[in-house]
Amino acid sequence: MYTQIKLDKSRTLRYTVRSLSRLEEEMDKPLAGMNFDEIRIKDITTILWAGLLHEDPTITVDEVMDILDNHEIKLDYVAEKVGKAISDSFAENKNPKKAVVER
């Protein structure tokens, strides 16, 4: 599932197992242990970065910060979008589609 977000251009957020793993590695803490009430600005941009990796595997956290600064993107907008995208990625995994077996 993809979540649309308007940054420097229209982009999509997608959190895969690989991008979530890279996110945990980059933040040096498990996603399950994150306290979203005490989230830092670097955390928000790092979470955004992980959601953009499917579109651009070479993008860096610093480049994401530049996009936010250069286009005056509000952090509450970003937080709302990444929250929805992450929530959707977990919901998607909880309800796997049944496999169809051809006979």
Protein backbone atom coordinates (compact mmCIF):
# COMPACT_ATOMS: atom_id res chain seq x y z
CA MET A 1 0.00 0.00 0.00
CA TYR A 2 1.23 3.48 -0.86
CA THR A 3 0.52 6.82 0.80
CA GLN A 4 0.71 9.97 -1.32
CA ILE A 5 2.75 12.87 0.05
CA LYS A 6 3.51 16.25 -1.49
CA LEU A 7 7.16 17.22 -0.92
CA ASP A 8 9.38 18.69 -3.63
CA LYS A 9 7.05 16.80 -5.95
CA SER A 10 4.31 14.25 -5.53
CA ARG A 11 5.84 11.16 -3.95
CA THR A 12 4.62 7.95 -2.35
CA LEU A 13 5.53 6.46 0.99
CA ARG A 14 5.82 2.72 1.33
CA TYR A 15 7.19 0.83 4.31
CA THR A 16 8.46 -2.62 3.47
CA VAL A 17 10.20 -5.12 5.72
CA ARG A 18 13.49 -3.96 4.20
CA SER A 19 12.83 -0.25 4.71
CA LEU A 20 11.62 -0.80 8.28
CA SER A 21 14.74 -2.82 9.00
CA ARG A 22 16.92 -0.04 7.57
CA LEU A 23 14.96 2.46 9.67
CA GLU A 24 15.71 0.53 12.86
CA GLU A 25 19.36 0.30 11.85
CA GLU A 26 19.59 4.02 11.09
CA MET A 27 17.88 5.00 14.34
CA ASP A 28 19.71 2.33 16.36
CA LYS A 29 16.52 1.28 18.15
CA PRO A 30 13.60 -1.04 17.48
CA LEU A 31 10.51 0.45 15.92
CA ALA A 32 8.33 -1.29 18.51
CA GLY A 33 10.16 0.50 21.32
CA MET A 34 9.77 4.01 19.91
CA ASN A 35 7.91 6.50 22.06
CA PHE A 36 6.06 8.63 19.53
CA ASP A 37 5.19 11.17 22.22
CA GLU A 38 8.90 12.03 22.52
CA ILE A 39 9.88 11.90 18.88
CA ARG A 40 12.71 14.11 17.66
CA ILE A 41 12.89 16.04 14.39
CA LYS A 42 15.69 13.74 13.19
CA ASP A 43 13.40 10.78 13.91
CA ILE A 44 10.61 12.23 11.77
CA THR A 45 12.95 12.86 8.85
CA THR A 46 14.53 9.42 9.22
CA ILE A 47 11.11 7.76 9.21
CA LEU A 48 10.21 9.78 6.10
CA TRP A 49 13.50 8.73 4.48
CA ALA A 50 12.73 5.04 5.03
CA GLY A 51 9.34 5.45 3.37
CA LEU A 52 10.92 7.01 0.29
CA LEU A 53 13.55 4.30 -0.25
CA HIS A 54 11.30 2.28 -2.56
CA GLU A 55 11.28 5.25 -4.99
CA ASP A 56 14.92 6.25 -4.60
CA PRO A 57 17.24 3.71 -2.94
CA THR A 58 20.09 6.28 -2.96
CA ILE A 59 18.28 9.09 -1.12
CA THR A 60 19.87 10.11 2.19
CA VAL A 61 18.41 11.48 5.41
CA ASP A 62 20.26 14.77 4.74
CA GLU A 63 18.67 15.02 1.29
CA VAL A 64 15.24 14.48 2.87
CA MET A 65 15.98 17.29 5.34
CA ASP A 66 16.99 19.54 2.42
CA ILE A 67 13.72 18.77 0.64
CA LEU A 68 11.74 19.69 3.77
CA ASP A 69 13.72 22.92 4.28
CA ASN A 70 13.81 24.01 0.64
CA HIS A 71 10.07 23.51 0.15
CA GLU A 72 8.97 24.66 3.61
CA ILE A 73 7.17 21.42 4.38
CA LYS A 74 5.48 21.42 7.80
CA LEU A 75 6.61 18.65 10.14
CA ASP A 76 3.09 17.97 11.43
CA TYR A 77 2.03 17.24 7.82
CA VAL A 78 4.97 14.83 7.43
CA ALA A 79 4.24 13.17 10.79
CA GLU A 80 0.59 12.63 9.79
CA LYS A 81 1.55 11.08 6.45
CA VAL A 82 4.29 8.79 7.79
CA GLY A 83 2.00 7.71 10.63
CA LYS A 84 -0.69 6.71 8.16
CA ALA A 85 1.78 4.93 5.88
CA ILE A 86 3.34 2.93 8.70
CA SER A 87 -0.06 2.06 10.12
CA ASP A 88 -1.22 0.93 6.68
CA SER A 89 1.89 -1.23 6.21
CA PHE A 90 1.19 -3.09 9.46
CA ALA A 91 -2.52 -3.42 8.68
CA GLU A 92 -1.64 -4.83 5.28
CA ASN A 93 0.53 -7.50 6.90
CA LYS A 94 -2.20 -8.47 9.38
CA ASN A 95 -4.69 -9.24 6.61
CA PRO A 96 -2.76 -11.19 3.99
CA LYS A 97 -4.70 -12.04 0.89
CA LYS A 98 -5.49 -15.72 0.53
CA ALA A 99 -3.45 -17.47 -2.09
CA VAL A 100 -5.38 -18.88 -5.01
CA VAL A 101 -4.26 -22.32 -6.08
CA GLU A 102 -4.94 -23.27 -9.67
CA ARG A 103 -5.84 -26.86 -10.39
